[in-house]
Structures are given as C-alpha cells and as structure tokens.
C-alpha cells in the first residue's frame, strides 16, 4: 500500500501562519521586543519545521495517524501472504495433475475473487486514510491559524511570516525576529490545558 505521509509542515503550517491561552507578557522573547522597536510595522517569523517538531498536538496526531496507516498495511500484507500461499498451492496441484478441469476452473475463479477482494479492501483503506488525513490536516490548519491571529493581535504584530526548509516565502530572516520558541511555548501551554480539561471530562 502506498504510504500516506502525514506532512503537516508543508501543507497545514504554510496556510496556518497567516497572520488560547496566550504566552505571558513577561515571557516575550528578545525577538518580540526587537520587532517592536525597529519600525512602525511589527514583523516576525516562525520556523515551521521547528514548530511541527515541537508542537505536542502535531506530534500526537502524527503518531496516531502513522499507527493507523501501519495497521492498514499490516492487514493488506497478511491477506497478500495468505493469497500468495493459496496461489502456490494451486500451482502445485496443477503441476501434479491433481485437479479435474472443473476443479481447475472453480479454484481459478475463486483465487481471482480473492485477489479482487484484497484490491478492493486496499482501495477502501487507502481512501479512508486519505479522508482522515484531510480531516486532520484541516483541523490542524484551523488550530494554528486561529491561534496565530490571537497571538498576533495580543503581541501587536502586523505580519507573522512562515519560514521553512521546503517552500519558503522568506528568503532571509534575521534571527532576532524569530519568535518560534515563544509561539511553540504558547501553543503547547494552551494544548496542555485543553488536554487536561478533556481528560477530566472523560473521567466524569
């Protein structure tokens, strides 16, 4: 089965970094303070690769999706091995002239049906994973996008740019304008609080 890459970094984050528990004002980084001083426009950037590697929600979602993907592949592989064994046995019987013409045709038709069923199952599992991927992608995009709007408003940013090792709209960014660590800290702080609340609700 073709593996689906749970690559939110390039897809979700580039969309999300458009413009909550928020970080404490006292925890503002030197980058944030510098951005405020250097001009009328307050501009900063976020390193997307770092954000996705340190944001707990992303890591948990990625691990969960990859496990589901591995389970789907294991199911198809197991059925594929079983089918291969059945074909091998069928070929052995044919070579040893152990089948009548009717038995040959019946077994051949059965094996074709098994193969078709495996291919259909693979297609269904692949489609299901793709749909779940799209759903998770949209959810993560919305989460980051909404957070960045609140974060920018609270900190007074006019622009928060995305910088990544892949598709990059920022050809260069002075490190003093890098607010990635502050954003990651604020995101994880909010997620930890939301997760704690959700855990309490489940225990009721």
N, C-alpha and C. Protein backbone atom coordinates (compact mmCIF):
# COMPACT_ATOMS: atom_id res chain seq x y z
N UNK A 1 0.85 -1.20 0.00
CA UNK A 1 0.00 0.00 0.00
C UNK A 1 0.89 1.25 0.00
N UNK A 2 0.53 2.17 -0.83
CA UNK A 2 1.28 3.42 -0.91
C UNK A 2 1.10 4.20 0.38
N UNK A 3 2.22 4.55 1.03
CA UNK A 3 2.15 5.22 2.32
C UNK A 3 1.73 6.67 2.14
N UNK A 4 0.85 7.09 3.02
CA UNK A 4 0.42 8.49 3.03
C UNK A 4 1.29 9.23 4.03
N UNK A 5 1.96 10.25 3.61
CA UNK A 5 2.84 10.99 4.51
C UNK A 5 2.03 12.02 5.27
N UNK A 6 2.19 12.00 6.57
CA UNK A 6 1.43 12.91 7.43
C UNK A 6 2.23 14.21 7.53
N UNK A 7 2.44 14.89 6.39
CA UNK A 7 3.35 16.03 6.32
C UNK A 7 2.59 17.32 6.50
N UNK A 8 2.22 17.62 7.72
CA UNK A 8 1.50 18.85 8.00
C UNK A 8 2.41 20.08 7.84
N UNK A 9 3.69 19.90 7.98
CA UNK A 9 4.60 21.03 7.97
C UNK A 9 4.44 21.88 6.72
N UNK A 10 4.51 21.24 5.55
CA UNK A 10 4.41 21.99 4.31
C UNK A 10 2.99 22.42 3.99
N UNK A 11 2.03 21.57 4.30
CA UNK A 11 0.65 21.86 3.93
C UNK A 11 -0.07 22.73 4.94
N UNK A 12 -0.25 22.21 6.13
CA UNK A 12 -1.05 22.94 7.11
C UNK A 12 -0.39 24.21 7.60
N UNK A 13 0.87 24.11 7.93
CA UNK A 13 1.51 25.24 8.59
C UNK A 13 1.73 26.44 7.67
N UNK A 14 2.02 26.19 6.40
CA UNK A 14 2.20 27.30 5.48
C UNK A 14 0.90 28.08 5.32
N UNK A 15 -0.23 27.36 5.43
CA UNK A 15 -1.53 28.02 5.37
C UNK A 15 -1.82 28.70 6.69
N UNK A 16 -1.46 28.02 7.77
CA UNK A 16 -1.85 28.48 9.10
C UNK A 16 -1.13 29.73 9.56
N UNK A 17 0.07 29.95 9.07
CA UNK A 17 0.86 31.06 9.59
C UNK A 17 0.47 32.39 8.97
N UNK A 18 -0.78 32.58 8.65
CA UNK A 18 -1.22 33.84 8.09
C UNK A 18 -1.06 34.96 9.07
N UNK A 19 -1.66 35.29 9.52
CA UNK A 19 -1.42 36.47 10.32
C UNK A 19 -1.28 36.14 11.76
N UNK A 20 -6.43 29.66 23.84
CA UNK A 20 -5.52 30.29 23.66
C UNK A 20 -5.20 30.92 24.89
N UNK A 21 -4.83 30.08 25.04
CA UNK A 21 -4.18 30.70 26.18
C UNK A 21 -2.92 31.30 25.61
N UNK A 22 -2.70 32.53 25.86
CA UNK A 22 -1.56 33.20 25.26
C UNK A 22 -0.38 33.19 26.22
N UNK A 23 0.82 33.42 25.63
CA UNK A 23 2.02 33.46 26.45
C UNK A 23 1.99 34.69 27.34
N UNK A 24 2.60 34.54 28.50
CA UNK A 24 2.65 35.67 29.42
C UNK A 24 3.50 36.78 28.85
N UNK A 25 3.11 38.03 29.10
CA UNK A 25 3.86 39.18 28.58
C UNK A 25 5.29 39.15 29.08
N UNK A 26 5.50 38.69 30.26
CA UNK A 26 6.84 38.66 30.85
C UNK A 26 7.74 37.68 30.12
N UNK A 27 7.14 36.73 29.36
CA UNK A 27 7.93 35.71 28.68
C UNK A 27 8.25 36.09 27.24
N UNK A 28 7.96 37.31 26.84
CA UNK A 28 8.27 37.74 25.48
C UNK A 28 9.76 37.60 25.21
N UNK A 29 10.06 37.07 24.04
CA UNK A 29 11.46 36.86 23.67
C UNK A 29 12.10 38.16 23.23
N UNK A 30 13.43 38.11 23.11
CA UNK A 30 14.16 39.27 22.61
C UNK A 30 13.72 39.59 21.19
N UNK A 31 13.34 38.55 20.44
CA UNK A 31 12.87 38.76 19.07
C UNK A 31 11.62 39.62 19.06
N UNK A 32 10.71 39.36 19.97
CA UNK A 32 9.47 40.12 20.03
C UNK A 32 9.75 41.58 20.40
N UNK A 33 10.62 41.77 21.35
CA UNK A 33 10.95 43.13 21.79
C UNK A 33 11.66 43.90 20.68
N UNK A 34 12.56 43.20 19.95
CA UNK A 34 13.27 43.85 18.85
C UNK A 34 12.32 44.26 17.75
N UNK A 35 11.39 43.36 17.42
CA UNK A 35 10.44 43.66 16.35
C UNK A 35 9.61 44.89 16.67
N UNK A 36 9.36 45.10 17.93
CA UNK A 36 8.55 46.24 18.34
C UNK A 36 9.31 47.56 18.20
N UNK A 37 10.63 47.50 18.28
CA UNK A 37 11.41 48.72 18.30
C UNK A 37 11.83 49.21 16.92
N UNK A 38 12.01 48.26 15.99
CA UNK A 38 12.74 48.59 14.78
C UNK A 38 11.96 49.36 13.72
N UNK A 39 10.69 49.51 13.85
CA UNK A 39 9.95 50.26 12.83
C UNK A 39 8.48 50.38 13.16
N UNK A 40 7.77 51.05 12.30
CA UNK A 40 6.35 51.21 12.52
C UNK A 40 5.61 49.89 12.38
N UNK A 41 6.05 49.06 11.44
CA UNK A 41 5.45 47.75 11.27
C UNK A 41 6.16 46.76 12.18
N UNK A 42 5.38 45.96 12.89
CA UNK A 42 5.96 44.94 13.75
C UNK A 42 5.86 43.61 13.03
N UNK A 43 7.01 43.09 12.61
CA UNK A 43 7.06 41.89 11.80
C UNK A 43 7.95 40.84 12.47
N UNK A 44 7.54 39.57 12.39
CA UNK A 44 8.34 38.48 12.92
C UNK A 44 8.11 37.25 12.03
N UNK A 45 8.84 36.18 12.28
CA UNK A 45 8.63 34.97 11.51
C UNK A 45 8.72 33.75 12.42
N UNK A 46 8.14 32.64 11.91
CA UNK A 46 8.14 31.38 12.64
C UNK A 46 8.78 30.30 11.76
N UNK A 47 9.68 29.52 12.33
CA UNK A 47 10.29 28.40 11.63
C UNK A 47 9.33 27.22 11.69
N UNK A 48 8.72 26.87 10.55
CA UNK A 48 7.68 25.86 10.52
C UNK A 48 8.20 24.48 10.89
N UNK A 49 9.38 24.13 10.41
CA UNK A 49 9.94 22.81 10.71
C UNK A 49 10.11 22.62 12.22
N UNK A 50 10.58 23.66 12.87
CA UNK A 50 10.76 23.60 14.33
C UNK A 50 9.42 23.52 15.03
N UNK A 51 8.46 24.31 14.55
CA UNK A 51 7.14 24.32 15.16
C UNK A 51 6.49 22.94 15.11
N UNK A 52 6.54 22.30 13.94
CA UNK A 52 5.89 20.99 13.82
C UNK A 52 6.61 19.90 14.61
N UNK A 53 7.90 20.05 14.81
CA UNK A 53 8.65 19.04 15.56
C UNK A 53 8.48 19.19 17.07
N UNK A 54 7.99 20.37 17.52
CA UNK A 54 7.88 20.61 18.95
C UNK A 54 6.45 20.80 19.44
N UNK A 55 5.51 20.96 18.53
CA UNK A 55 4.12 21.16 18.93
C UNK A 55 3.51 19.80 19.29
N UNK A 56 3.08 19.64 20.53
CA UNK A 56 2.63 18.36 21.03
C UNK A 56 1.41 17.83 20.28
N UNK A 57 0.47 18.68 19.93
CA UNK A 57 -0.71 18.24 19.21
C UNK A 57 -0.33 17.63 17.86
N UNK A 58 0.57 18.28 17.17
CA UNK A 58 1.03 17.77 15.88
C UNK A 58 1.69 16.41 16.06
N UNK A 59 2.57 16.28 17.05
CA UNK A 59 3.30 15.03 17.25
C UNK A 59 2.35 13.89 17.59
N UNK A 60 1.37 14.16 18.44
CA UNK A 60 0.42 13.12 18.82
C UNK A 60 -0.46 12.71 17.65
N UNK A 61 -0.92 13.68 16.88
CA UNK A 61 -1.75 13.38 15.71
C UNK A 61 -0.96 12.60 14.67
N UNK A 62 0.30 12.98 14.48
CA UNK A 62 1.15 12.29 13.51
C UNK A 62 1.39 10.85 13.92
N UNK A 63 1.69 10.64 15.21
CA UNK A 63 1.93 9.27 15.69
C UNK A 63 0.68 8.40 15.55
N UNK A 64 -0.47 8.97 15.89
CA UNK A 64 -1.73 8.22 15.81
C UNK A 64 -2.05 7.83 14.37
N UNK A 65 -1.85 8.78 13.45
CA UNK A 65 -2.15 8.51 12.05
C UNK A 65 -1.21 7.46 11.48
N UNK A 66 0.06 7.57 11.81
CA UNK A 66 1.03 6.61 11.30
C UNK A 66 0.75 5.20 11.82
N UNK A 67 0.22 5.09 13.05
CA UNK A 67 -0.13 3.79 13.59
C UNK A 67 -1.30 3.19 12.82
N UNK A 68 -2.30 4.04 12.51
CA UNK A 68 -3.44 3.57 11.72
C UNK A 68 -2.98 3.13 10.33
N UNK A 69 -2.06 3.87 9.78
CA UNK A 69 -1.52 3.53 8.47
C UNK A 69 -0.79 2.21 8.52
N UNK A 70 0.01 2.00 9.59
CA UNK A 70 0.75 0.75 9.75
C UNK A 70 -0.20 -0.42 9.92
N UNK A 71 -1.28 -0.22 10.66
CA UNK A 71 -2.27 -1.28 10.87
C UNK A 71 -2.93 -1.68 9.55
N UNK A 72 -3.25 -0.67 8.74
CA UNK A 72 -3.88 -0.94 7.45
C UNK A 72 -2.92 -1.72 6.54
N UNK A 73 -1.67 -1.33 6.54
CA UNK A 73 -0.69 -2.01 5.71
C UNK A 73 -0.46 -3.44 6.19
N UNK A 74 -0.48 -3.64 7.52
CA UNK A 74 -0.30 -4.98 8.06
C UNK A 74 -1.45 -5.89 7.65
N UNK A 75 -2.65 -5.34 7.64
CA UNK A 75 -3.83 -6.11 7.22
C UNK A 75 -3.70 -6.55 5.77
N UNK A 76 -3.32 -5.62 4.90
CA UNK A 76 -3.17 -5.95 3.48
C UNK A 76 -2.03 -6.94 3.26
N UNK A 77 -0.92 -6.75 3.97
CA UNK A 77 0.22 -7.65 3.82
C UNK A 77 -0.13 -9.07 4.24
N UNK A 78 -0.89 -9.19 5.34
CA UNK A 78 -1.28 -10.52 5.83
C UNK A 78 -2.17 -11.23 4.81
N UNK A 79 -3.12 -10.49 4.26
CA UNK A 79 -4.01 -11.08 3.25
C UNK A 79 -3.23 -11.40 1.98
N UNK A 80 -2.26 -10.57 1.66
CA UNK A 80 -1.44 -10.81 0.47
C UNK A 80 -0.61 -12.08 0.61
N UNK A 81 -0.05 -12.31 1.80
CA UNK A 81 0.75 -13.52 2.03
C UNK A 81 -0.12 -14.77 1.96
N UNK A 82 -1.33 -14.67 2.55
CA UNK A 82 -2.25 -15.79 2.51
C UNK A 82 -2.64 -16.12 1.06
N UNK A 83 -2.88 -15.07 0.28
CA UNK A 83 -3.25 -15.26 -1.12
C UNK A 83 -2.10 -15.90 -1.90
N UNK A 84 -0.88 -15.45 -1.64
CA UNK A 84 0.28 -15.99 -2.33
C UNK A 84 0.44 -17.48 -2.03
N UNK A 85 0.17 -17.86 -0.78
CA UNK A 85 0.26 -19.28 -0.41
C UNK A 85 -0.79 -20.11 -1.13
N UNK A 86 -2.00 -19.55 -1.25
CA UNK A 86 -3.08 -20.26 -1.94
C UNK A 86 -2.75 -20.44 -3.42
N UNK A 87 -2.17 -19.41 -4.02
CA UNK A 87 -1.79 -19.50 -5.43
C UNK A 87 -0.70 -20.55 -5.61
N UNK A 88 0.25 -20.56 -4.69
CA UNK A 88 1.35 -21.52 -4.76
C UNK A 88 0.82 -22.97 -4.67
N UNK A 89 -0.13 -23.17 -3.76
CA UNK A 89 -0.72 -24.50 -3.61
C UNK A 89 -1.50 -24.89 -4.86
N UNK A 90 -2.21 -23.93 -5.42
CA UNK A 90 -2.97 -24.18 -6.65
C UNK A 90 -2.03 -24.59 -7.78
N UNK A 91 -0.92 -23.89 -7.91
CA UNK A 91 0.05 -24.21 -8.96
C UNK A 91 0.66 -25.59 -8.75
N UNK A 92 0.89 -25.94 -7.48
CA UNK A 92 1.45 -27.26 -7.19
C UNK A 92 0.50 -28.37 -7.63
N UNK A 93 -0.79 -28.18 -7.33
CA UNK A 93 -1.78 -29.18 -7.72
C UNK A 93 -1.92 -29.29 -9.24
N UNK A 94 -1.83 -28.15 -9.91
CA UNK A 94 -1.91 -28.16 -11.38
C UNK A 94 -0.74 -28.93 -11.96
N UNK A 95 0.46 -28.67 -11.44
CA UNK A 95 1.65 -29.34 -11.97
C UNK A 95 1.61 -30.85 -11.72
N UNK A 96 0.96 -31.25 -10.64
CA UNK A 96 0.88 -32.67 -10.30
C UNK A 96 -0.38 -33.34 -10.84
N UNK A 97 -1.12 -32.57 -11.67
CA UNK A 97 -2.35 -33.10 -12.29
C UNK A 97 -3.34 -33.63 -11.25
N UNK A 98 -3.49 -32.87 -10.17
CA UNK A 98 -4.38 -33.30 -9.09
C UNK A 98 -5.79 -32.70 -9.22
N UNK A 99 -6.01 -31.88 -10.23
CA UNK A 99 -7.30 -31.21 -10.39
C UNK A 99 -7.97 -31.62 -11.68
N UNK A 100 -9.27 -31.80 -11.57
CA UNK A 100 -10.04 -32.00 -12.79
C UNK A 100 -10.22 -30.65 -13.46
N UNK A 101 -10.71 -30.66 -14.68
CA UNK A 101 -10.93 -29.40 -15.39
C UNK A 101 -11.92 -28.52 -14.63
N UNK A 102 -12.95 -29.13 -14.08
CA UNK A 102 -13.95 -28.36 -13.32
C UNK A 102 -13.34 -27.78 -12.05
N UNK A 103 -12.54 -28.59 -11.36
CA UNK A 103 -11.87 -28.11 -10.15
C UNK A 103 -10.89 -26.99 -10.48
N UNK A 104 -10.20 -27.13 -11.57
CA UNK A 104 -9.24 -26.10 -12.00
C UNK A 104 -9.94 -24.78 -12.23
N UNK A 105 -11.02 -24.81 -12.99
CA UNK A 105 -11.75 -23.58 -13.30
C UNK A 105 -12.38 -22.97 -12.06
N UNK A 106 -12.90 -23.83 -11.17
CA UNK A 106 -13.52 -23.34 -9.95
C UNK A 106 -12.50 -22.67 -9.03
N UNK A 107 -11.34 -23.31 -8.88
CA UNK A 107 -10.30 -22.75 -8.00
C UNK A 107 -9.70 -21.49 -8.61
N UNK A 108 -9.55 -21.49 -9.90
CA UNK A 108 -9.01 -20.30 -10.57
C UNK A 108 -9.95 -19.11 -10.38
N UNK A 109 -11.24 -19.35 -10.50
CA UNK A 109 -12.23 -18.29 -10.30
C UNK A 109 -12.23 -17.81 -8.85
N UNK A 110 -12.08 -18.76 -7.93
CA UNK A 110 -12.06 -18.38 -6.51
C UNK A 110 -10.85 -17.49 -6.19
N UNK A 111 -9.71 -17.87 -6.72
CA UNK A 111 -8.49 -17.09 -6.47
C UNK A 111 -8.59 -15.69 -7.09
N UNK A 112 -9.20 -15.61 -8.23
CA UNK A 112 -9.39 -14.29 -8.86
C UNK A 112 -10.28 -13.42 -7.98
N UNK A 113 -11.31 -14.05 -7.39
CA UNK A 113 -12.20 -13.30 -6.50
C UNK A 113 -11.47 -12.85 -5.25
N UNK A 114 -10.62 -13.70 -4.71
CA UNK A 114 -9.82 -13.34 -3.52
C UNK A 114 -8.93 -12.15 -3.84
N UNK A 115 -8.29 -12.19 -5.00
CA UNK A 115 -7.41 -11.10 -5.40
C UNK A 115 -8.19 -9.80 -5.55
N UNK A 116 -9.36 -9.88 -6.16
CA UNK A 116 -10.20 -8.69 -6.33
C UNK A 116 -10.65 -8.12 -4.99
N UNK A 117 -10.96 -9.02 -4.05
CA UNK A 117 -11.39 -8.59 -2.72
C UNK A 117 -10.25 -7.86 -1.99
N UNK A 118 -9.05 -8.38 -2.14
CA UNK A 118 -7.89 -7.75 -1.49
C UNK A 118 -7.64 -6.37 -2.10
N UNK A 119 -7.72 -6.27 -3.41
CA UNK A 119 -7.52 -4.98 -4.08
C UNK A 119 -8.60 -3.98 -3.67
N UNK A 120 -9.84 -4.47 -3.53
CA UNK A 120 -10.94 -3.59 -3.12
C UNK A 120 -10.74 -3.11 -1.68
N UNK A 121 -10.29 -4.03 -0.81
CA UNK A 121 -10.03 -3.65 0.58
C UNK A 121 -8.91 -2.62 0.66
N UNK A 122 -7.86 -2.83 -0.13
CA UNK A 122 -6.75 -1.89 -0.15
C UNK A 122 -7.22 -0.50 -0.59
N UNK A 123 -8.09 -0.47 -1.60
CA UNK A 123 -8.60 0.81 -2.09
C UNK A 123 -9.45 1.49 -1.02
N UNK A 124 -10.27 0.71 -0.30
CA UNK A 124 -11.11 1.29 0.76
C UNK A 124 -10.26 1.84 1.90
N UNK A 125 -9.27 1.08 2.31
CA UNK A 125 -8.41 1.53 3.40
C UNK A 125 -7.62 2.78 3.00
N UNK A 126 -7.14 2.80 1.76
CA UNK A 126 -6.40 3.96 1.27
C UNK A 126 -7.28 5.20 1.24
N UNK A 127 -8.52 5.02 0.76
CA UNK A 127 -9.47 6.13 0.70
C UNK A 127 -9.80 6.64 2.09
N UNK A 128 -9.99 5.70 3.02
CA UNK A 128 -10.30 6.07 4.39
C UNK A 128 -9.17 6.86 5.02
N UNK A 129 -7.93 6.43 4.77
CA UNK A 129 -6.77 7.13 5.31
C UNK A 129 -6.65 8.53 4.69
N UNK A 130 -6.91 8.63 3.41
CA UNK A 130 -6.83 9.93 2.74
C UNK A 130 -7.87 10.90 3.31
N UNK A 131 -9.07 10.39 3.55
CA UNK A 131 -10.12 11.23 4.12
C UNK A 131 -9.77 11.67 5.53
N UNK A 132 -9.21 10.74 6.31
CA UNK A 132 -8.80 11.09 7.67
C UNK A 132 -7.65 12.09 7.66
N UNK A 133 -6.73 11.89 6.72
CA UNK A 133 -5.60 12.82 6.56
C UNK A 133 -6.12 14.24 6.30
N UNK A 134 -7.07 14.34 5.36
CA UNK A 134 -7.62 15.65 5.00
C UNK A 134 -8.32 16.28 6.20
N UNK A 135 -9.03 15.47 6.96
CA UNK A 135 -9.74 15.98 8.14
C UNK A 135 -8.76 16.48 9.19
N UNK A 136 -7.72 15.68 9.46
CA UNK A 136 -6.71 16.08 10.45
C UNK A 136 -5.95 17.32 9.98
N UNK A 137 -5.67 17.36 8.68
CA UNK A 137 -4.96 18.50 8.10
C UNK A 137 -5.75 19.79 8.29
N UNK A 138 -7.05 19.72 8.00
CA UNK A 138 -7.90 20.90 8.15
C UNK A 138 -8.01 21.32 9.60
N UNK A 139 -8.13 20.35 10.49
CA UNK A 139 -8.24 20.64 11.91
C UNK A 139 -6.98 21.31 12.43
N UNK A 140 -5.83 20.80 12.05
CA UNK A 140 -4.58 21.38 12.50
C UNK A 140 -4.37 22.77 11.91
N UNK A 141 -4.74 22.92 10.63
CA UNK A 141 -4.64 24.23 9.97
C UNK A 141 -5.48 25.27 10.72
N UNK A 142 -6.72 24.90 11.02
CA UNK A 142 -7.62 25.82 11.73
C UNK A 142 -7.07 26.18 13.10
N UNK A 143 -6.54 25.18 13.80
CA UNK A 143 -5.99 25.40 15.14
C UNK A 143 -4.84 26.41 15.11
N UNK A 144 -3.89 26.18 14.21
CA UNK A 144 -2.73 27.07 14.13
C UNK A 144 -3.14 28.45 13.63
N UNK A 145 -4.00 28.49 12.64
CA UNK A 145 -4.41 29.77 12.06
C UNK A 145 -5.13 30.64 13.09
N UNK A 146 -6.06 30.04 13.80
CA UNK A 146 -6.80 30.79 14.82
C UNK A 146 -5.88 31.26 15.94
N UNK A 147 -4.95 30.38 16.31
CA UNK A 147 -4.01 30.76 17.36
C UNK A 147 -3.14 31.93 16.92
N UNK A 148 -2.63 31.87 15.68
CA UNK A 148 -1.72 32.91 15.22
C UNK A 148 -2.42 34.26 15.12
N UNK A 149 -3.72 34.25 14.79
CA UNK A 149 -4.47 35.51 14.75
C UNK A 149 -4.54 36.12 16.15
N UNK A 150 -4.84 35.28 17.13
CA UNK A 150 -4.93 35.77 18.51
C UNK A 150 -3.56 36.21 19.01
N UNK A 151 -2.55 35.43 18.67
CA UNK A 151 -1.19 35.73 19.13
C UNK A 151 -0.70 37.06 18.54
N UNK A 152 -0.94 37.23 17.24
CA UNK A 152 -0.51 38.47 16.58
C UNK A 152 -1.23 39.68 17.17
N UNK A 153 -2.52 39.52 17.43
CA UNK A 153 -3.30 40.63 17.99
C UNK A 153 -2.80 40.98 19.38
N UNK A 154 -2.55 39.96 20.20
CA UNK A 154 -2.08 40.21 21.57
C UNK A 154 -0.71 40.88 21.60
N UNK A 155 0.18 40.40 20.71
CA UNK A 155 1.55 40.91 20.70
C UNK A 155 1.72 42.17 19.84
N UNK A 156 0.70 42.52 19.10
CA UNK A 156 0.78 43.72 18.28
C UNK A 156 1.50 43.55 16.97
N UNK A 157 1.54 42.32 16.44
CA UNK A 157 2.22 42.09 15.17
C UNK A 157 1.34 42.47 13.99
N UNK A 158 1.97 43.11 13.01
CA UNK A 158 1.28 43.40 11.75
C UNK A 158 1.41 42.22 10.79
N UNK A 159 2.56 41.54 10.84
CA UNK A 159 2.81 40.38 10.00
C UNK A 159 3.58 39.33 10.79
N UNK A 160 3.18 38.06 10.62
CA UNK A 160 3.97 36.94 11.10
C UNK A 160 4.18 36.03 9.89
N UNK A 161 5.44 35.92 9.47
CA UNK A 161 5.77 35.18 8.26
C UNK A 161 6.16 33.73 8.57
N UNK A 162 6.06 32.88 7.54
CA UNK A 162 6.46 31.47 7.66
C UNK A 162 7.83 31.28 7.02
N UNK A 163 8.67 30.51 7.68
CA UNK A 163 9.97 30.18 7.11
C UNK A 163 10.19 28.68 7.31
N UNK A 164 10.52 28.00 6.20
CA UNK A 164 10.71 26.55 6.28
C UNK A 164 11.85 26.12 5.37
N UNK A 165 12.25 24.85 5.51
CA UNK A 165 13.33 24.32 4.69
C UNK A 165 12.84 23.90 3.32
N UNK A 166 11.50 23.85 3.15
CA UNK A 166 10.93 23.46 1.87
C UNK A 166 10.51 24.69 1.09
N UNK A 167 9.18 24.82 0.87
CA UNK A 167 8.64 26.00 0.20
C UNK A 167 8.79 27.18 1.13
N UNK A 168 9.49 28.20 0.72
CA UNK A 168 9.82 29.27 1.63
C UNK A 168 9.50 30.62 1.01
N UNK A 169 8.60 31.36 1.63
CA UNK A 169 8.26 32.70 1.17
C UNK A 169 9.22 33.74 1.72
N UNK A 170 10.04 33.34 2.68
CA UNK A 170 11.00 34.26 3.29
C UNK A 170 12.40 33.80 2.88
N UNK A 171 13.02 34.54 1.99
CA UNK A 171 14.35 34.15 1.52
C UNK A 171 15.41 34.33 2.59
N UNK A 172 15.20 35.31 3.46
CA UNK A 172 16.13 35.51 4.58
C UNK A 172 15.38 36.15 5.73
N UNK A 173 15.73 35.72 6.93
CA UNK A 173 15.14 36.33 8.12
C UNK A 173 16.20 36.49 9.18
N UNK A 174 16.38 37.70 9.64
CA UNK A 174 17.33 37.95 10.72
C UNK A 174 16.88 37.19 11.96
N UNK A 175 17.74 36.38 12.56
CA UNK A 175 17.37 35.57 13.74
C UNK A 175 16.73 36.38 14.86
N UNK A 176 17.00 37.66 14.92
CA UNK A 176 16.43 38.45 16.02
C UNK A 176 14.92 38.62 15.88
N UNK A 177 14.39 38.29 14.70
CA UNK A 177 12.93 38.37 14.50
C UNK A 177 12.25 37.00 14.60
N UNK A 178 13.02 36.00 14.99
CA UNK A 178 12.49 34.63 15.10
C UNK A 178 11.74 34.47 16.43
N UNK A 179 10.42 34.25 16.34
CA UNK A 179 9.61 34.09 17.55
C UNK A 179 9.10 32.65 17.70
N UNK A 180 9.76 31.72 17.01
CA UNK A 180 9.29 30.34 17.01
C UNK A 180 9.16 29.77 18.41
N UNK A 181 10.18 29.92 19.24
CA UNK A 181 10.14 29.33 20.58
C UNK A 181 8.99 29.87 21.41
N UNK A 182 8.73 31.16 21.28
CA UNK A 182 7.63 31.75 22.04
C UNK A 182 6.29 31.21 21.57
N UNK A 183 6.14 31.02 20.25
CA UNK A 183 4.89 30.50 19.70
C UNK A 183 4.69 29.05 20.12
N UNK A 184 5.76 28.25 20.04
CA UNK A 184 5.67 26.84 20.44
C UNK A 184 5.30 26.73 21.92
N UNK A 185 5.92 27.54 22.74
CA UNK A 185 5.63 27.50 24.17
C UNK A 185 4.17 27.86 24.43
N UNK A 186 3.68 28.86 23.73
CA UNK A 186 2.29 29.28 23.93
C UNK A 186 1.31 28.22 23.42
N UNK A 187 1.63 27.63 22.26
CA UNK A 187 0.78 26.59 21.71
C UNK A 187 0.70 25.37 22.63
N UNK A 188 1.85 24.93 23.11
CA UNK A 188 1.87 23.76 23.98
C UNK A 188 1.22 24.03 25.33
N UNK A 189 1.33 25.25 25.79
CA UNK A 189 0.69 25.62 27.04
C UNK A 189 -0.82 25.54 26.89
N UNK A 190 -1.33 26.06 25.77
CA UNK A 190 -2.77 26.01 25.53
C UNK A 190 -3.24 24.57 25.34
N UNK A 191 -2.47 23.78 24.58
CA UNK A 191 -2.87 22.41 24.32
C UNK A 191 -2.87 21.58 25.61
N UNK A 192 -1.89 21.79 26.46
CA UNK A 192 -1.82 21.06 27.73
C UNK A 192 -3.05 21.35 28.58
N UNK A 193 -3.46 22.62 28.58
CA UNK A 193 -4.64 22.99 29.35
C UNK A 193 -5.90 22.35 28.77
N UNK A 194 -6.03 22.37 27.44
CA UNK A 194 -7.19 21.77 26.79
C UNK A 194 -7.22 20.27 27.00
N UNK A 195 -6.08 19.64 26.96
CA UNK A 195 -6.00 18.19 27.15
C UNK A 195 -6.36 17.81 28.58
N UNK A 196 -5.90 18.61 29.53
CA UNK A 196 -6.21 18.37 30.94
C UNK A 196 -7.71 18.47 31.18
N UNK A 197 -8.32 19.47 30.56
CA UNK A 197 -9.76 19.66 30.70
C UNK A 197 -10.52 18.49 30.08
N UNK A 198 -10.06 18.04 28.90
CA UNK A 198 -10.70 16.93 28.22
C UNK A 198 -10.59 15.64 29.02
N UNK A 199 -9.44 15.43 29.66
CA UNK A 199 -9.23 14.23 30.47
C UNK A 199 -10.17 14.23 31.67
N UNK A 200 -10.38 15.40 32.27
CA UNK A 200 -11.29 15.49 33.41
C UNK A 200 -12.72 15.17 32.99
N UNK A 201 -13.09 15.64 31.80
CA UNK A 201 -14.45 15.40 31.31
C UNK A 201 -14.68 13.91 31.05
N UNK A 202 -13.64 13.22 30.55
CA UNK A 202 -13.77 11.79 30.26
C UNK A 202 -13.95 10.97 31.53
N UNK A 203 -13.36 11.45 32.63
CA UNK A 203 -13.40 10.70 33.89
C UNK A 203 -14.72 10.86 34.64
N UNK A 204 -15.52 11.85 34.21
CA UNK A 204 -16.80 12.10 34.89
C UNK A 204 -17.80 10.99 34.55
